[in-house]
Amino acid sequence: MVEEQNKKQCYNGCMNVLHRLLPPPRFLAMPAAGIDISDAFVRAISFSGSLGNLHVDWWAEEPLPKG
């Protein structure tokens, strides 16, 4: 079990280094977005940036009619 955890940590560390040295082209980066639907509002948000450095790109909020 401990050996398997060490392998996972090593793999994750190697992937982090590889990602920093050879980041994917910007057009291949997947955008991050979220949506929340409640009984009163529909809210949406989109993030941009890089891993560990995300910021809000845009957000919107629309009220829903009662009933």
Protein backbone atom coordinates (compact mmCIF):
# COMPACT_ATOMS: atom_id res chain seq x y z
CA MET A 1 0.00 0.00 0.00
CA VAL A 2 2.78 2.43 0.95
CA GLU A 3 4.76 1.52 -2.16
CA GLU A 4 1.71 2.21 -4.36
CA GLN A 5 1.21 5.63 -2.72
CA ASN A 6 4.89 6.45 -3.32
CA LYS A 7 4.51 5.53 -7.00
CA LYS A 8 1.45 7.80 -7.30
CA GLN A 9 3.28 10.68 -5.60
CA CYS A 10 6.28 10.21 -7.87
CA TYR A 11 4.06 10.10 -10.96
CA ASN A 12 2.14 13.24 -9.90
CA GLY A 13 5.38 15.07 -9.17
CA CYS A 14 6.84 14.09 -12.54
CA MET A 15 3.67 15.19 -14.34
CA ASN A 16 3.72 18.55 -12.54
CA VAL A 17 7.31 19.16 -13.60
CA LEU A 18 6.56 18.06 -17.15
CA HIS A 19 3.51 20.33 -17.28
CA ARG A 20 5.59 23.31 -16.14
CA LEU A 21 8.40 22.60 -18.61
CA LEU A 22 6.15 21.74 -21.57
CA PRO A 23 2.75 23.35 -21.04
CA PRO A 24 0.04 22.51 -23.56
CA PRO A 25 -0.65 25.13 -26.23
CA ARG A 26 -3.22 27.69 -25.13
CA PHE A 27 -5.76 26.53 -27.73
CA LEU A 28 -5.71 23.03 -26.20
CA ALA A 29 -6.28 24.19 -22.63
CA MET A 30 -9.72 23.16 -21.45
CA PRO A 31 -11.81 25.99 -20.02
CA ALA A 32 -13.34 25.58 -16.59
CA ALA A 33 -16.96 26.58 -16.07
CA GLY A 34 -19.79 26.00 -13.66
CA ILE A 35 -23.53 26.45 -13.52
CA ASP A 36 -25.93 26.61 -10.57
CA ILE A 37 -29.68 26.28 -10.98
CA SER A 38 -31.83 27.00 -7.96
CA ASP A 39 -35.49 27.84 -7.48
CA ALA A 40 -34.73 31.57 -7.68
CA PHE A 41 -31.70 32.01 -9.98
CA VAL A 42 -29.59 30.52 -12.74
CA ARG A 43 -25.95 31.39 -12.20
CA ALA A 44 -22.98 30.67 -14.46
CA ILE A 45 -19.24 31.29 -14.11
CA SER A 46 -16.20 30.73 -16.30
CA PHE A 47 -12.56 30.62 -15.22
CA SER A 48 -9.40 31.17 -17.20
CA GLY A 49 -5.71 31.00 -16.43
CA SER A 50 -3.39 28.14 -15.69
CA LEU A 51 -3.26 25.41 -13.10
CA GLY A 52 -2.93 27.05 -9.70
CA ASN A 53 -3.52 30.51 -11.17
CA LEU A 54 -7.21 30.57 -12.12
CA HIS A 55 -9.26 33.75 -12.14
CA VAL A 56 -12.89 34.54 -12.97
CA ASP A 57 -13.24 35.24 -16.68
CA TRP A 58 -16.97 36.06 -16.55
CA TRP A 59 -20.07 35.37 -14.51
CA ALA A 60 -23.80 35.87 -14.96
CA GLU A 61 -26.90 35.64 -12.82
CA GLU A 62 -30.48 35.57 -14.07
CA PRO A 63 -33.49 35.56 -11.75
CA LEU A 64 -36.24 33.04 -12.44
CA PRO A 65 -39.88 34.12 -12.40
CA LYS A 66 -41.89 33.03 -9.39
CA GLY A 67 -44.32 30.24 -9.89
